[in-house]
Structure formats: C-alpha cells, structure tokens
Amino acid sequence: MINFQQQPGLTVSQILRVYGKQFTQITGWYTDGRNGRCAAGVLMSYYGWNGCDFFGIVRSLICTLHLLKNAGLQIEFIAQLNDSGKTFDEIADFLDKVGKRPADPGWTC
C-alpha cells in the first residue's frame, strides 16, 4: 500500500505533478487495481487510497472532492481532462494557467 505524507496547502496541480509520477496513467476508471490511476485516482491516492480497496475509497473520495471544491473544480472536469488524453503534467499546466487556488490549509483529511 502506498502511504503518502500529506503536505498541507498543495494545489491540485502540485499533487498531480509530484504523486502522478508514481503511477501509470489510465483512462476511464480511477484505477486498474494495480499501479494505474487516472488524475482523480492520483488525488484519492494522495489521501491514502491504495487503488484496490473499493470499500475504503469513501474517505479518500470525500477528501478529494473537498480539495477540488476548494480549488473551484469538479471531479468530472478532472476526469474529462484525463480521459481526453492529457498527461498529469499537462493537466497540471492547464490548471496553473487558469489560476486555480491551493487547497484550504485549515482543512485536513
């Protein structure tokens, strides 16, 4: 199980850049049950989801949805960017370009 040290205040783009490197990017699903993740799956893994435990996904999904909401994003938008063929870095570049704000440093999961 991958156990990430959460760093408060990371932006969605920073999480994709840093933690996305540990996964093979996939489309259509959060995970392939192994080491593949979509962009939303990377964000959920940042909050401790191992990519296999579908019963344990709830906590990570809630944290991810809060992160995205605070950044002014929706999970469907992240999925659309991912499934359109953009890499994690390209998604991060796009988010930086449009100026999405960092996660709320006062809220932790």
Protein backbone atom coordinates (compact mmCIF):
# COMPACT_ATOMS: atom_id res chain seq x y z
CA MET A 1 0.00 0.00 0.00
CA ILE A 2 1.32 3.42 -0.93
CA ASN A 3 1.32 5.76 2.03
CA PHE A 4 1.82 9.41 1.13
CA GLN A 5 2.82 12.09 3.58
CA GLN A 6 0.24 14.80 3.04
CA GLN A 7 1.69 18.25 2.65
CA PRO A 8 -0.87 20.91 3.61
CA GLY A 9 -1.61 23.57 1.05
CA LEU A 10 -0.55 21.63 -2.05
CA THR A 11 -2.51 22.59 -5.12
CA VAL A 12 -4.24 20.02 -7.29
CA SER A 13 -1.57 20.61 -9.94
CA GLN A 14 1.25 20.04 -7.43
CA ILE A 15 -0.29 16.77 -6.29
CA LEU A 16 -0.62 15.61 -9.91
CA ARG A 17 2.98 16.56 -10.67
CA VAL A 18 4.53 15.00 -7.57
CA TYR A 19 2.39 11.92 -6.92
CA GLY A 20 1.37 11.25 -10.51
CA LYS A 21 4.92 10.15 -11.30
CA GLN A 22 4.41 7.05 -9.15
CA PHE A 23 1.58 5.72 -11.35
CA THR A 24 0.85 4.66 -14.89
CA GLN A 25 -1.84 6.96 -16.25
CA ILE A 26 -5.07 5.27 -17.33
CA THR A 27 -8.43 6.48 -18.64
CA GLY A 28 -12.00 5.51 -17.91
CA TRP A 29 -11.51 4.37 -14.30
CA TYR A 30 -9.97 5.67 -11.08
CA THR A 31 -7.64 2.66 -11.01
CA ASP A 32 -6.79 -0.53 -12.82
CA GLY A 33 -6.39 -2.34 -9.48
CA ARG A 34 -2.63 -2.28 -9.77
CA ASN A 35 -0.44 0.77 -10.37
CA GLY A 36 -2.62 2.58 -12.90
CA ARG A 37 -4.54 5.70 -11.90
CA CYS A 38 -6.45 8.45 -13.63
CA ALA A 39 -5.93 12.02 -12.43
CA ALA A 40 -8.76 11.73 -9.89
CA GLY A 41 -7.31 8.40 -8.73
CA VAL A 42 -3.96 10.09 -8.10
CA LEU A 43 -5.71 12.69 -5.94
CA MET A 44 -7.52 9.96 -3.99
CA SER A 45 -4.24 8.07 -3.55
CA TYR A 46 -2.71 11.23 -2.12
CA TYR A 47 -5.31 10.86 0.65
CA GLY A 48 -4.33 7.26 1.32
CA TRP A 49 -6.41 5.17 -1.08
CA ASN A 50 -4.45 2.11 -2.20
CA GLY A 51 -6.25 1.74 -5.53
CA CYS A 52 -7.64 -1.69 -4.70
CA ASP A 53 -9.87 -1.28 -1.67
CA PHE A 54 -13.17 -0.10 -3.08
CA PHE A 55 -14.73 -0.20 0.38
CA GLY A 56 -12.02 2.14 1.69
CA ILE A 57 -12.42 4.60 -1.15
CA VAL A 58 -15.04 6.73 0.61
CA ARG A 59 -12.69 8.70 2.89
CA SER A 60 -10.26 9.47 0.08
CA LEU A 61 -13.07 10.44 -2.28
CA ILE A 62 -14.56 12.83 0.28
CA CYS A 63 -11.17 14.45 0.84
CA THR A 64 -10.58 14.70 -2.91
CA LEU A 65 -14.00 16.25 -3.53
CA HIS A 66 -13.30 18.83 -0.81
CA LEU A 67 -9.88 19.62 -2.32
CA LEU A 68 -11.42 20.10 -5.75
CA LYS A 69 -14.36 22.15 -4.47
CA ASN A 70 -12.00 24.46 -2.61
CA ALA A 71 -9.95 24.85 -5.79
CA GLY A 72 -13.08 25.69 -7.79
CA LEU A 73 -13.03 22.40 -9.70
CA GLN A 74 -15.29 19.41 -10.15
CA ILE A 75 -14.16 15.80 -10.34
CA GLU A 76 -15.94 15.44 -13.69
CA PHE A 77 -13.77 18.21 -15.14
CA ILE A 78 -10.57 16.50 -13.95
CA ALA A 79 -11.83 13.21 -15.41
CA GLN A 80 -12.64 14.89 -18.72
CA LEU A 81 -9.14 16.38 -18.96
CA ASN A 82 -7.63 13.00 -18.09
CA ASP A 83 -9.78 11.00 -20.50
CA SER A 84 -9.14 13.46 -23.35
CA GLY A 85 -5.56 12.22 -23.41
CA LYS A 86 -3.82 14.95 -21.41
CA THR A 87 -0.97 13.72 -19.20
CA PHE A 88 -0.85 14.50 -15.48
CA ASP A 89 1.70 17.25 -16.21
CA GLU A 90 -0.45 18.70 -18.99
CA ILE A 91 -3.48 18.76 -16.67
CA ALA A 92 -1.34 20.45 -14.00
CA ASP A 93 -0.06 23.00 -16.55
CA PHE A 94 -3.62 23.79 -17.62
CA LEU A 95 -4.78 24.23 -14.02
CA ASP A 96 -1.83 26.51 -13.27
CA LYS A 97 -2.57 28.54 -16.39
CA VAL A 98 -6.20 29.15 -15.41
CA GLY A 99 -5.13 30.04 -11.87
CA LYS A 100 -6.83 27.50 -9.63
CA ARG A 101 -6.13 28.22 -5.97
CA PRO A 102 -4.48 25.91 -3.40
CA ALA A 103 -6.33 23.65 -1.04
CA ASP A 104 -7.57 25.15 2.22
CA PRO A 105 -4.62 24.78 4.62
CA GLY A 106 -7.01 24.82 7.58
CA TRP A 107 -8.90 21.70 6.48
CA THR A 108 -7.26 18.32 6.68
CA CYS A 109 -8.45 14.84 5.98
